[in-house]
Amino acid sequence: MSVTAPGTHPVGAPVSDEGQDHGVPRPIRDPGTARAVVRAEVDHGEAELVGDPDRPLGWTLIVNGTAQSHVDLADPEHLEFEYVRRMGHVVDLVADPWTPLRALHLGGGAWTLPRYLGATRPGSAQLVVELDAALIDLVATRLPAEDTGLAVTSGDARARLAERPAASADLLVLDVFAGARTPAHLTSTEFVADVRRVLAADGVYLANVADGGDLGFARDQVATATEHFAEITVIAAPDLLAGRRFGNVVLVASSRPLPVEELARRTAADPFRARVLSGREIQDFTRGAQVRRDRSSTPSPIPPAGFFGQ
């Protein structure tokens, strides 16, 4: 199944020698690590694709020094980053196994989660929104996503969201970073209201929230989501929740009950285990938090130096 949208780019074309002869960046070897590296100028800086020494067809996408995605072309079900593994658990549990979903992904990177969803739920209709058109072209050429039902469009995430029909998505994923921060206009209650509009009545909102310390930004994001969704779950590493480091908080929201117990079992069994907060724990987590509005919203916090590097 395919998705159409204004400005949509087809994906899945294989890389050919002819394409490489017409300006597609060629891999080089990093002498320090013996890893293949592809470097290219994109619309908003420089992108690198760095080969994974442990996976012959594995690549990490780095944009302006920030690691954005990891993909394995031979195994789209492999999820390297711990927060993406947690998102993958949610994708597994939002519907019966193999059931196709209508998914809207705000934030592209190398399309890790869309590839996963395409592999585990064949026939899903997926649209990815990525601001950087040149980055889309790089990923489509070097890391093709074949037979995924995936389409990609360039543009601002909030503007593209506003164009989507009501109740047109079963799953909506927010994973947008400008540099290493989520832009302010994607952190407000007005933005989440439009997320709710685009989701089906029983749809699920899944957001990557980067924060550290007392998690003030993440707490505000969860409080903002509670204005629009009756069911909220948070997934995060115990040391992150304890304020001992910077990291990724996964926010899950819906108007229907969420599979909290199974999520807790799966995340506890991961190599990097996580806690799942729900119910009263969410009330405690958001105590004193503020709902973010357009007039007062801010980007996510600046991460420590080197946090997103590879």
C-alpha atoms as a PDB file:
ATOM      1  CA  MET A   1       0.000   0.000   0.000  1.00  0.00           C
ATOM      2  CA  SER A   2       1.284   3.480  -0.760  1.00  0.00           C
ATOM      3  CA  VAL A   3       0.625   6.927   0.629  1.00  0.00           C
ATOM      4  CA  THR A   4       0.423  10.057  -1.490  1.00  0.00           C
ATOM      5  CA  ALA A   5       1.058  13.621  -0.411  1.00  0.00           C
ATOM      6  CA  PRO A   6       2.160  16.862  -2.048  1.00  0.00           C
ATOM      7  CA  GLY A   7       5.911  16.748  -2.628  1.00  0.00           C
ATOM      8  CA  THR A   8       6.158  13.057  -1.806  1.00  0.00           C
ATOM      9  CA  HIS A   9       9.406  11.335  -2.775  1.00  0.00           C
ATOM     10  CA  PRO A  10       9.305   7.680  -3.868  1.00  0.00           C
ATOM     11  CA  VAL A  11      11.703   5.507  -1.904  1.00  0.00           C
ATOM     12  CA  GLY A  12      13.193   2.114  -2.472  1.00  0.00           C
ATOM     13  CA  ALA A  13      15.245   2.620  -5.641  1.00  0.00           C
ATOM     14  CA  PRO A  14      18.362   0.450  -5.471  1.00  0.00           C
ATOM     15  CA  VAL A  15      21.779   2.089  -5.553  1.00  0.00           C
ATOM     16  CA  SER A  16      23.457   1.599  -8.928  1.00  0.00           C
ATOM     17  CA  ASP A  17      26.944   2.225 -10.294  1.00  0.00           C
ATOM     18  CA  GLU A  18      25.375   4.635 -12.764  1.00  0.00           C
ATOM     19  CA  GLY A  19      23.886   6.652  -9.892  1.00  0.00           C
ATOM     20  CA  GLN A  20      27.255   6.771  -8.136  1.00  0.00           C
ATOM     21  CA  ASP A  21      28.864   8.161 -11.294  1.00  0.00           C
ATOM     22  CA  HIS A  22      26.474  11.126 -11.222  1.00  0.00           C
ATOM     23  CA  GLY A  23      27.362  12.694  -7.904  1.00  0.00           C
ATOM     24  CA  VAL A  24      26.093  10.203  -5.306  1.00  0.00           C
ATOM     25  CA  PRO A  25      28.715  10.196  -2.528  1.00  0.00           C
ATOM     26  CA  ARG A  26      31.018   7.186  -2.576  1.00  0.00           C
ATOM     27  CA  PRO A  27      32.012   5.353   0.626  1.00  0.00           C
ATOM     28  CA  ILE A  28      35.475   6.076   1.989  1.00  0.00           C
ATOM     29  CA  ARG A  29      37.353   4.379   4.811  1.00  0.00           C
ATOM     30  CA  ASP A  30      37.841   6.034   8.169  1.00  0.00           C
ATOM     31  CA  PRO A  31      41.463   5.099   8.913  1.00  0.00           C
ATOM     32  CA  GLY A  32      40.868   5.291  12.650  1.00  0.00           C
ATOM     33  CA  THR A  33      38.076   2.732  12.750  1.00  0.00           C
ATOM     34  CA  ALA A  34      38.176   0.996   9.328  1.00  0.00           C
ATOM     35  CA  ARG A  35      34.473   1.852   8.992  1.00  0.00           C
ATOM     36  CA  ALA A  36      32.968   2.955   5.712  1.00  0.00           C
ATOM     37  CA  VAL A  37      31.875   6.586   5.752  1.00  0.00           C
ATOM     38  CA  VAL A  38      29.680   8.479   3.287  1.00  0.00           C
ATOM     39  CA  ARG A  39      29.710  12.270   3.659  1.00  0.00           C
ATOM     40  CA  ALA A  40      27.347  14.666   1.902  1.00  0.00           C
ATOM     41  CA  GLU A  41      26.171  18.251   2.149  1.00  0.00           C
ATOM     42  CA  VAL A  42      22.442  18.448   2.874  1.00  0.00           C
ATOM     43  CA  ASP A  43      20.064  21.374   3.150  1.00  0.00           C
ATOM     44  CA  HIS A  44      20.819  22.009   6.810  1.00  0.00           C
ATOM     45  CA  GLY A  45      24.476  21.102   7.127  1.00  0.00           C
ATOM     46  CA  GLU A  46      26.496  17.921   6.682  1.00  0.00           C
ATOM     47  CA  ALA A  47      25.308  14.331   6.873  1.00  0.00           C
ATOM     48  CA  GLU A  48      27.453  11.250   7.409  1.00  0.00           C
ATOM     49  CA  LEU A  49      26.561   7.601   6.970  1.00  0.00           C
ATOM     50  CA  VAL A  50      28.955   5.560   9.088  1.00  0.00           C
ATOM     51  CA  GLY A  51      29.230   1.814   8.555  1.00  0.00           C
ATOM     52  CA  ASP A  52      28.574  -0.490  11.507  1.00  0.00           C
ATOM     53  CA  PRO A  53      31.628  -2.735  12.006  1.00  0.00           C
ATOM     54  CA  ASP A  54      29.433  -5.435  13.556  1.00  0.00           C
ATOM     55  CA  ARG A  55      26.775  -5.470  10.822  1.00  0.00           C
ATOM     56  CA  PRO A  56      27.817  -5.617   7.156  1.00  0.00           C
ATOM     57  CA  LEU A  57      24.741  -3.667   6.016  1.00  0.00           C
ATOM     58  CA  GLY A  58      24.351  -1.555   9.155  1.00  0.00           C
ATOM     59  CA  TRP A  59      24.686   2.242   9.028  1.00  0.00           C
ATOM     60  CA  THR A  60      24.428   5.127  11.482  1.00  0.00           C
ATOM     61  CA  LEU A  61      23.176   8.466  10.153  1.00  0.00           C
ATOM     62  CA  ILE A  62      24.883  11.486  11.727  1.00  0.00           C
ATOM     63  CA  VAL A  63      23.736  15.024  10.909  1.00  0.00           C
ATOM     64  CA  ASN A  64      25.904  17.949  12.036  1.00  0.00           C
ATOM     65  CA  GLY A  65      27.601  15.731  14.608  1.00  0.00           C
ATOM     66  CA  THR A  66      24.359  14.347  16.049  1.00  0.00           C
ATOM     67  CA  ALA A  67      23.569  10.647  15.651  1.00  0.00           C
ATOM     68  CA  GLN A  68      20.065  10.539  14.180  1.00  0.00           C
ATOM     69  CA  SER A  69      19.390   6.912  13.229  1.00  0.00           C
ATOM     70  CA  HIS A  70      20.800   3.429  12.906  1.00  0.00           C
ATOM     71  CA  VAL A  71      19.518   0.996  10.279  1.00  0.00           C
ATOM     72  CA  ASP A  72      20.466  -2.487   9.119  1.00  0.00           C
ATOM     73  CA  LEU A  73      19.428  -2.990   5.506  1.00  0.00           C
ATOM     74  CA  ALA A  74      19.616  -6.761   5.975  1.00  0.00           C
ATOM     75  CA  ASP A  75      17.468  -6.761   9.113  1.00  0.00           C
ATOM     76  CA  PRO A  76      14.930  -3.925   9.426  1.00  0.00           C
ATOM     77  CA  GLU A  77      13.685  -5.463  12.669  1.00  0.00           C
ATOM     78  CA  HIS A  78      17.013  -4.716  14.363  1.00  0.00           C
ATOM     79  CA  LEU A  79      16.679  -1.607  16.533  1.00  0.00           C
ATOM     80  CA  GLU A  80      20.034  -0.391  17.829  1.00  0.00           C
ATOM     81  CA  PHE A  81      19.156   2.735  19.836  1.00  0.00           C
ATOM     82  CA  GLU A  82      17.548   1.930  23.174  1.00  0.00           C
ATOM     83  CA  TYR A  83      14.750   4.489  22.897  1.00  0.00           C
ATOM     84  CA  VAL A  84      13.849   3.204  19.427  1.00  0.00           C
ATOM     85  CA  ARG A  85      13.648  -0.338  20.855  1.00  0.00           C
ATOM     86  CA  ARG A  86      11.095   0.991  23.337  1.00  0.00           C
ATOM     87  CA  MET A  87       9.130   2.606  20.527  1.00  0.00           C
ATOM     88  CA  GLY A  88       9.293  -0.720  18.714  1.00  0.00           C
ATOM     89  CA  HIS A  89       7.642  -2.439  21.673  1.00  0.00           C
ATOM     90  CA  VAL A  90       4.790   0.055  21.454  1.00  0.00           C
ATOM     91  CA  VAL A  91       4.442  -0.551  17.708  1.00  0.00           C
ATOM     92  CA  ASP A  92       4.250  -4.291  18.405  1.00  0.00           C
ATOM     93  CA  LEU A  93       1.464  -3.887  20.951  1.00  0.00           C
ATOM     94  CA  VAL A  94      -0.844  -1.204  19.541  1.00  0.00           C
ATOM     95  CA  ALA A  95      -2.730  -3.757  17.400  1.00  0.00           C
ATOM     96  CA  ASP A  96      -2.879  -7.499  16.813  1.00  0.00           C
ATOM     97  CA  PRO A  97       0.296  -8.929  15.251  1.00  0.00           C
ATOM     98  CA  TRP A  98       0.701  -8.384  11.490  1.00  0.00           C
ATOM     99  CA  THR A  99      -2.251  -5.969  11.383  1.00  0.00           C
ATOM    100  CA  PRO A 100      -1.432  -3.101   8.977  1.00  0.00           C
ATOM    101  CA  LEU A 101      -1.495   0.414  10.391  1.00  0.00           C
ATOM    102  CA  ARG A 102      -1.872   3.879   8.931  1.00  0.00           C
ATOM    103  CA  ALA A 103       1.195   5.635  10.302  1.00  0.00           C
ATOM    104  CA  LEU A 104       2.425   9.220  10.156  1.00  0.00           C
ATOM    105  CA  HIS A 105       6.048   9.783  11.182  1.00  0.00           C
ATOM    106  CA  LEU A 106       7.074  13.363  11.952  1.00  0.00           C
ATOM    107  CA  GLY A 107      10.842  13.316  11.646  1.00  0.00           C
ATOM    108  CA  GLY A 108      12.645  11.140   9.152  1.00  0.00           C
ATOM    109  CA  GLY A 109      16.293  10.452   9.830  1.00  0.00           C
ATOM    110  CA  ALA A 110      17.063   7.149   8.108  1.00  0.00           C
ATOM    111  CA  TRP A 111      13.449   5.888   8.568  1.00  0.00           C
ATOM    112  CA  THR A 112      14.342   3.281  11.203  1.00  0.00           C
ATOM    113  CA  LEU A 113      10.926   2.878  12.801  1.00  0.00           C
ATOM    114  CA  PRO A 114       9.029   3.036   9.472  1.00  0.00           C
ATOM    115  CA  ARG A 115      11.245   0.211   8.176  1.00  0.00           C
ATOM    116  CA  TYR A 116      10.514  -1.793  11.327  1.00  0.00           C
ATOM    117  CA  LEU A 117       6.781  -1.234  11.021  1.00  0.00           C
ATOM    118  CA  GLY A 118       6.887  -2.177   7.339  1.00  0.00           C
ATOM    119  CA  ALA A 119       8.630  -5.446   8.204  1.00  0.00           C
ATOM    120  CA  THR A 120       6.444  -6.392  11.163  1.00  0.00           C
ATOM    121  CA  ARG A 121       3.133  -5.110   9.780  1.00  0.00           C
ATOM    122  CA  PRO A 122       3.255  -5.589   5.989  1.00  0.00           C
ATOM    123  CA  GLY A 123       0.728  -3.559   4.049  1.00  0.00           C
ATOM    124  CA  SER A 124       0.900  -0.596   6.421  1.00  0.00           C
ATOM    125  CA  ALA A 125       0.382   2.807   4.785  1.00  0.00           C
ATOM    126  CA  GLN A 126       3.152   5.075   6.029  1.00  0.00           C
ATOM    127  CA  LEU A 127       4.096   8.683   5.433  1.00  0.00           C
ATOM    128  CA  VAL A 128       7.341  10.186   6.745  1.00  0.00           C
ATOM    129  CA  VAL A 129       7.753  13.969   7.020  1.00  0.00           C
ATOM    130  CA  GLU A 130      11.351  15.238   6.909  1.00  0.00           C
ATOM    131  CA  LEU A 131      12.331  18.900   6.668  1.00  0.00           C
ATOM    132  CA  ASP A 132      15.583  18.319   4.767  1.00  0.00           C
ATOM    133  CA  ALA A 133      14.871  17.352   1.134  1.00  0.00           C
ATOM    134  CA  ALA A 134      18.535  16.666   0.379  1.00  0.00           C
ATOM    135  CA  LEU A 135      18.701  14.304   3.344  1.00  0.00           C
ATOM    136  CA  ILE A 136      15.674  12.440   1.961  1.00  0.00           C
ATOM    137  CA  ASP A 137      17.495  12.014  -1.338  1.00  0.00           C
ATOM    138  CA  LEU A 138      20.658  10.786   0.387  1.00  0.00           C
ATOM    139  CA  VAL A 139      18.830   8.197   2.474  1.00  0.00           C
ATOM    140  CA  ALA A 140      16.658   7.048  -0.436  1.00  0.00           C
ATOM    141  CA  THR A 141      19.736   6.531  -2.589  1.00  0.00           C
ATOM    142  CA  ARG A 142      22.170   5.021  -0.098  1.00  0.00           C
ATOM    143  CA  LEU A 143      19.728   3.223   2.250  1.00  0.00           C
ATOM    144  CA  PRO A 144      16.766   2.217   0.056  1.00  0.00           C
ATOM    145  CA  ALA A 145      13.590   1.063   1.820  1.00  0.00           C
ATOM    146  CA  GLU A 146      12.084  -1.439  -0.571  1.00  0.00           C
ATOM    147  CA  ASP A 147       8.617  -2.995  -0.281  1.00  0.00           C
ATOM    148  CA  THR A 148       7.738  -1.059   2.886  1.00  0.00           C
ATOM    149  CA  GLY A 149       4.640   0.838   1.766  1.00  0.00           C
ATOM    150  CA  LEU A 150       6.623   3.930   2.705  1.00  0.00           C
ATOM    151  CA  ALA A 151       6.426   7.416   1.222  1.00  0.00           C
ATOM    152  CA  VAL A 152       8.440  10.439   2.296  1.00  0.00           C
ATOM    153  CA  THR A 153       7.600  14.115   1.922  1.00  0.00           C
ATOM    154  CA  SER A 154       9.723  17.166   2.693  1.00  0.00           C
ATOM    155  CA  GLY A 155       8.420  20.022   4.776  1.00  0.00           C
ATOM    156  CA  ASP A 156       7.917  21.359   8.269  1.00  0.00           C
ATOM    157  CA  ALA A 157       6.393  18.726  10.537  1.00  0.00           C
ATOM    158  CA  ARG A 158       3.668  20.940  11.977  1.00  0.00           C
ATOM    159  CA  ALA A 159       2.713  22.384   8.597  1.00  0.00           C
ATOM    160  CA  ARG A 160       2.457  18.919   7.067  1.00  0.00           C
ATOM    161  CA  LEU A 161       0.468  17.702  10.067  1.00  0.00           C
ATOM    162  CA  ALA A 162      -2.048  20.496   9.517  1.00  0.00           C
ATOM    163  CA  GLU A 163      -2.596  19.224   5.957  1.00  0.00           C
ATOM    164  CA  ARG A 164      -3.532  15.702   7.027  1.00  0.00           C
ATOM    165  CA  PRO A 165      -7.221  14.677   7.155  1.00  0.00           C
ATOM    166  CA  ALA A 166      -8.928  14.097  10.485  1.00  0.00           C
ATOM    167  CA  ALA A 167      -8.807  10.530  11.846  1.00  0.00           C
ATOM    168  CA  SER A 168      -6.391   9.488   9.082  1.00  0.00           C
ATOM    169  CA  ALA A 169      -3.694   7.805  11.227  1.00  0.00           C
ATOM    170  CA  ASP A 170      -3.671   4.880  13.640  1.00  0.00           C
ATOM    171  CA  LEU A 171      -0.168   5.723  14.840  1.00  0.00           C
ATOM    172  CA  LEU A 172       1.548   9.125  14.924  1.00  0.00           C
ATOM    173  CA  VAL A 173       5.241   9.279  15.822  1.00  0.00           C
ATOM    174  CA  LEU A 174       7.097  12.481  16.769  1.00  0.00           C
ATOM    175  CA  ASP A 175      10.880  12.203  16.575  1.00  0.00           C
ATOM    176  CA  VAL A 176      12.011  15.596  15.251  1.00  0.00           C
ATOM    177  CA  PHE A 177      15.312  17.260  16.044  1.00  0.00           C
ATOM    178  CA  ALA A 178      16.799  20.463  14.682  1.00  0.00           C
ATOM    179  CA  GLY A 179      20.389  19.816  15.577  1.00  0.00           C
ATOM    180  CA  ALA A 180      20.031  18.079  18.919  1.00  0.00           C
ATOM    181  CA  ARG A 181      16.795  19.777  20.058  1.00  0.00           C
ATOM    182  CA  THR A 182      13.099  19.355  19.336  1.00  0.00           C
ATOM    183  CA  PRO A 183      11.811  22.685  17.936  1.00  0.00           C
ATOM    184  CA  ALA A 184       9.553  24.764  20.172  1.00  0.00           C
ATOM    185  CA  HIS A 185       6.555  24.733  17.815  1.00  0.00           C
ATOM    186  CA  LEU A 186       6.339  20.944  18.246  1.00  0.00           C
ATOM    187  CA  THR A 187       6.087  21.102  22.043  1.00  0.00           C
ATOM    188  CA  SER A 188       2.828  23.003  22.595  1.00  0.00           C
ATOM    189  CA  THR A 189      -0.734  22.003  23.436  1.00  0.00           C
ATOM    190  CA  GLU A 190      -1.885  23.504  20.138  1.00  0.00           C
ATOM    191  CA  PHE A 191       0.435  21.097  18.331  1.00  0.00           C
ATOM    192  CA  VAL A 192      -0.813  18.110  20.356  1.00  0.00           C
ATOM    193  CA  ALA A 193      -4.404  19.159  19.640  1.00  0.00           C
ATOM    194  CA  ASP A 194      -3.672  18.747  15.930  1.00  0.00           C
ATOM    195  CA  VAL A 195      -2.042  15.381  16.637  1.00  0.00           C
ATOM    196  CA  ARG A 196      -5.277  14.311  18.306  1.00  0.00           C
ATOM    197  CA  ARG A 197      -7.305  15.551  15.344  1.00  0.00           C
ATOM    198  CA  VAL A 198      -5.287  13.501  12.853  1.00  0.00           C
ATOM    199  CA  LEU A 199      -5.381  10.328  14.950  1.00  0.00           C
ATOM    200  CA  ALA A 200      -8.259   7.875  14.754  1.00  0.00           C
ATOM    201  CA  ALA A 201     -10.455   7.614  17.843  1.00  0.00           C
ATOM    202  CA  ASP A 202      -8.349   4.742  19.195  1.00  0.00           C
ATOM    203  CA  GLY A 203      -5.068   5.932  17.675  1.00  0.00           C
ATOM    204  CA  VAL A 204      -1.758   6.117  19.527  1.00  0.00           C
ATOM    205  CA  TYR A 205       0.656   9.056  19.807  1.00  0.00           C
ATOM    206  CA  LEU A 206       4.310   8.138  20.340  1.00  0.00           C
ATOM    207  CA  ALA A 207       6.884  10.866  21.058  1.00  0.00           C
ATOM    208  CA  ASN A 208      10.611  10.944  21.736  1.00  0.00           C
ATOM    209  CA  VAL A 209      11.348  13.551  24.422  1.00  0.00           C
ATOM    210  CA  ALA A 210      14.990  14.349  25.230  1.00  0.00           C
ATOM    211  CA  ASP A 211      15.718  15.712  28.705  1.00  0.00           C
ATOM    212  CA  GLY A 212      17.856  15.360  31.817  1.00  0.00           C
ATOM    213  CA  GLY A 213      18.247  16.548  35.391  1.00  0.00           C
ATOM    214  CA  ASP A 214      14.889  17.116  37.041  1.00  0.00           C
ATOM    215  CA  LEU A 215      13.149  16.317  33.715  1.00  0.00           C
ATOM    216  CA  GLY A 216      11.240  19.583  33.835  1.00  0.00           C
ATOM    217  CA  PHE A 217      10.805  19.698  30.063  1.00  0.00           C
ATOM    218  CA  ALA A 218       9.640  16.068  29.876  1.00  0.00           C
ATOM    219  CA  ARG A 219       7.213  16.596  32.746  1.00  0.00           C
ATOM    220  CA  ASP A 220       5.730  19.586  30.935  1.00  0.00           C
ATOM    221  CA  GLN A 221       5.414  17.530  27.746  1.00  0.00           C
ATOM    222  CA  VAL A 222       3.534  14.799  29.573  1.00  0.00           C
ATOM    223  CA  ALA A 223       1.268  17.365  31.253  1.00  0.00           C
ATOM    224  CA  THR A 224       0.599  18.915  27.847  1.00  0.00           C
ATOM    225  CA  ALA A 225      -0.395  15.538  26.400  1.00  0.00           C
ATOM    226  CA  THR A 226      -2.838  14.915  29.265  1.00  0.00           C
ATOM    227  CA  GLU A 227      -4.929  17.840  27.998  1.00  0.00           C
ATOM    228  CA  HIS A 228      -5.831  15.765  24.941  1.00  0.00           C
ATOM    229  CA  PHE A 229      -5.455  12.080  25.840  1.00  0.00           C
ATOM    230  CA  ALA A 230      -7.034  10.088  28.655  1.00  0.00           C
ATOM    231  CA  GLU A 231      -4.339   7.420  28.785  1.00  0.00           C
ATOM    232  CA  ILE A 232      -0.667   8.325  29.208  1.00  0.00           C
ATOM    233  CA  THR A 233       2.375   6.109  29.665  1.00  0.00           C
ATOM    234  CA  VAL A 234       6.034   7.072  30.026  1.00  0.00           C
ATOM    235  CA  ILE A 235       8.953   4.731  29.304  1.00  0.00           C
ATOM    236  CA  ALA A 236      12.451   5.681  30.472  1.00  0.00           C
ATOM    237  CA  ALA A 237      15.600   4.258  32.036  1.00  0.00           C
ATOM    238  CA  PRO A 238      15.605   4.220  35.864  1.00  0.00           C
ATOM    239  CA  ASP A 239      18.726   6.407  36.129  1.00  0.00           C
ATOM    240  CA  LEU A 240      17.156   8.956  33.792  1.00  0.00           C
ATOM    241  CA  LEU A 241      14.011   9.083  35.930  1.00  0.00           C
ATOM    242  CA  ALA A 242      16.241   9.499  38.978  1.00  0.00           C
ATOM    243  CA  GLY A 243      17.865  12.576  37.417  1.00  0.00           C
ATOM    244  CA  ARG A 244      21.322  11.062  37.063  1.00  0.00           C
ATOM    245  CA  ARG A 245      21.791  11.563  33.322  1.00  0.00           C
ATOM    246  CA  PHE A 246      20.460  13.031  30.095  1.00  0.00           C
ATOM    247  CA  GLY A 247      18.450  10.728  27.835  1.00  0.00           C
ATOM    248  CA  ASN A 248      15.282   9.865  25.964  1.00  0.00           C
ATOM    249  CA  VAL A 249      11.837   9.689  27.533  1.00  0.00           C
ATOM    250  CA  VAL A 250       9.287   7.867  25.382  1.00  0.00           C
ATOM    251  CA  LEU A 251       5.791   9.326  25.730  1.00  0.00           C
ATOM    252  CA  VAL A 252       2.828   7.144  24.728  1.00  0.00           C
ATOM    253  CA  ALA A 253      -0.677   8.638  24.657  1.00  0.00           C
ATOM    254  CA  SER A 254      -4.090   7.459  23.543  1.00  0.00           C
ATOM    255  CA  SER A 255      -7.783   7.736  24.275  1.00  0.00           C
ATOM    256  CA  ARG A 256      -7.977   3.992  24.861  1.00  0.00           C
ATOM    257  CA  PRO A 257      -6.265   1.795  27.471  1.00  0.00           C
ATOM    258  CA  LEU A 258      -2.607   1.109  26.741  1.00  0.00           C
ATOM    259  CA  PRO A 259      -0.856  -2.296  27.119  1.00  0.00           C
ATOM    260  CA  VAL A 260       1.038  -1.174  30.207  1.00  0.00           C
ATOM    261  CA  GLU A 261       1.738  -4.590  31.742  1.00  0.00           C
ATOM    262  CA  GLU A 262       3.133  -6.099  28.554  1.00  0.00           C
ATOM    263  CA  LEU A 263       5.178  -2.956  27.873  1.00  0.00           C
ATOM    264  CA  ALA A 264       6.656  -3.250  31.358  1.00  0.00           C
ATOM    265  CA  ARG A 265       7.573  -6.901  30.781  1.00  0.00           C
ATOM    266  CA  ARG A 266       9.241  -6.195  27.451  1.00  0.00           C
ATOM    267  CA  THR A 267      11.196  -3.143  28.535  1.00  0.00           C
ATOM    268  CA  ALA A 268      12.374  -4.868  31.708  1.00  0.00           C
ATOM    269  CA  ALA A 269      13.809  -7.688  29.562  1.00  0.00           C
ATOM    270  CA  ASP A 270      15.761  -5.363  27.248  1.00  0.00           C
ATOM    271  CA  PRO A 271      19.570  -5.194  27.499  1.00  0.00           C
ATOM    272  CA  PHE A 272      19.070  -1.633  28.774  1.00  0.00           C
ATOM    273  CA  ARG A 273      16.000  -2.021  30.916  1.00  0.00           C
ATOM    274  CA  ALA A 274      13.428   0.708  31.427  1.00  0.00           C
ATOM    275  CA  ARG A 275      10.577   1.569  33.732  1.00  0.00           C
ATOM    276  CA  VAL A 276       7.013   2.123  32.566  1.00  0.00           C
ATOM    277  CA  LEU A 277       5.004   4.798  34.382  1.00  0.00           C
ATOM    278  CA  SER A 278       1.205   4.922  34.249  1.00  0.00           C
ATOM    279  CA  GLY A 279      -1.839   5.876  36.303  1.00  0.00           C
ATOM    280  CA  ARG A 280      -0.921   7.391  39.658  1.00  0.00           C
ATOM    281  CA  GLU A 281       2.743   7.461  38.693  1.00  0.00           C
ATOM    282  CA  ILE A 282       1.915   9.831  35.829  1.00  0.00           C
ATOM    283  CA  GLN A 283       0.063  12.088  38.259  1.00  0.00           C
ATOM    284  CA  ASP A 284       3.157  12.140  40.472  1.00  0.00           C
ATOM    285  CA  PHE A 285       5.445  12.692  37.481  1.00  0.00           C
ATOM    286  CA  THR A 286       3.489  15.747  36.315  1.00  0.00           C
ATOM    287  CA  ARG A 287       2.907  17.326  39.715  1.00  0.00           C
ATOM    288  CA  GLY A 288       3.814  21.008  39.382  1.00  0.00           C
ATOM    289  CA  ALA A 289       4.362  20.715  35.618  1.00  0.00           C
ATOM    290  CA  GLN A 290       3.047  23.332  33.204  1.00  0.00           C
ATOM    291  CA  VAL A 291       1.105  22.871  29.995  1.00  0.00           C
ATOM    292  CA  ARG A 292       3.154  24.318  27.140  1.00  0.00           C
ATOM    293  CA  ARG A 293       1.385  26.749  24.810  1.00  0.00           C
ATOM    294  CA  ASP A 294       2.517  28.312  21.552  1.00  0.00           C
ATOM    295  CA  ARG A 295       3.163  31.668  23.179  1.00  0.00           C
ATOM    296  CA  SER A 296       5.424  30.143  25.862  1.00  0.00           C
ATOM    297  CA  SER A 297       6.820  26.970  24.301  1.00  0.00           C
ATOM    298  CA  THR A 298      10.564  26.326  24.144  1.00  0.00           C
ATOM    299  CA  PRO A 299      12.789  23.779  22.400  1.00  0.00           C
ATOM    300  CA  SER A 300      13.943  20.711  24.280  1.00  0.00           C
ATOM    301  CA  PRO A 301      17.046  21.254  26.449  1.00  0.00           C
ATOM    302  CA  ILE A 302      20.545  21.364  25.029  1.00  0.00           C
ATOM    303  CA  PRO A 303      22.130  17.941  25.631  1.00  0.00           C
ATOM    304  CA  PRO A 304      25.573  17.567  27.202  1.00  0.00           C
ATOM    305  CA  ALA A 305      28.479  17.805  24.773  1.00  0.00           C
ATOM    306  CA  GLY A 306      28.952  14.550  22.901  1.00  0.00           C
ATOM    307  CA  PHE A 307      25.705  12.971  24.105  1.00  0.00           C
ATOM    308  CA  PHE A 308      24.363  12.276  20.613  1.00  0.00           C
ATOM    309  CA  GLY A 309      27.749  11.746  18.973  1.00  0.00           C
ATOM    310  CA  GLN A 310      29.171   8.492  17.683  1.00  0.00           C
END
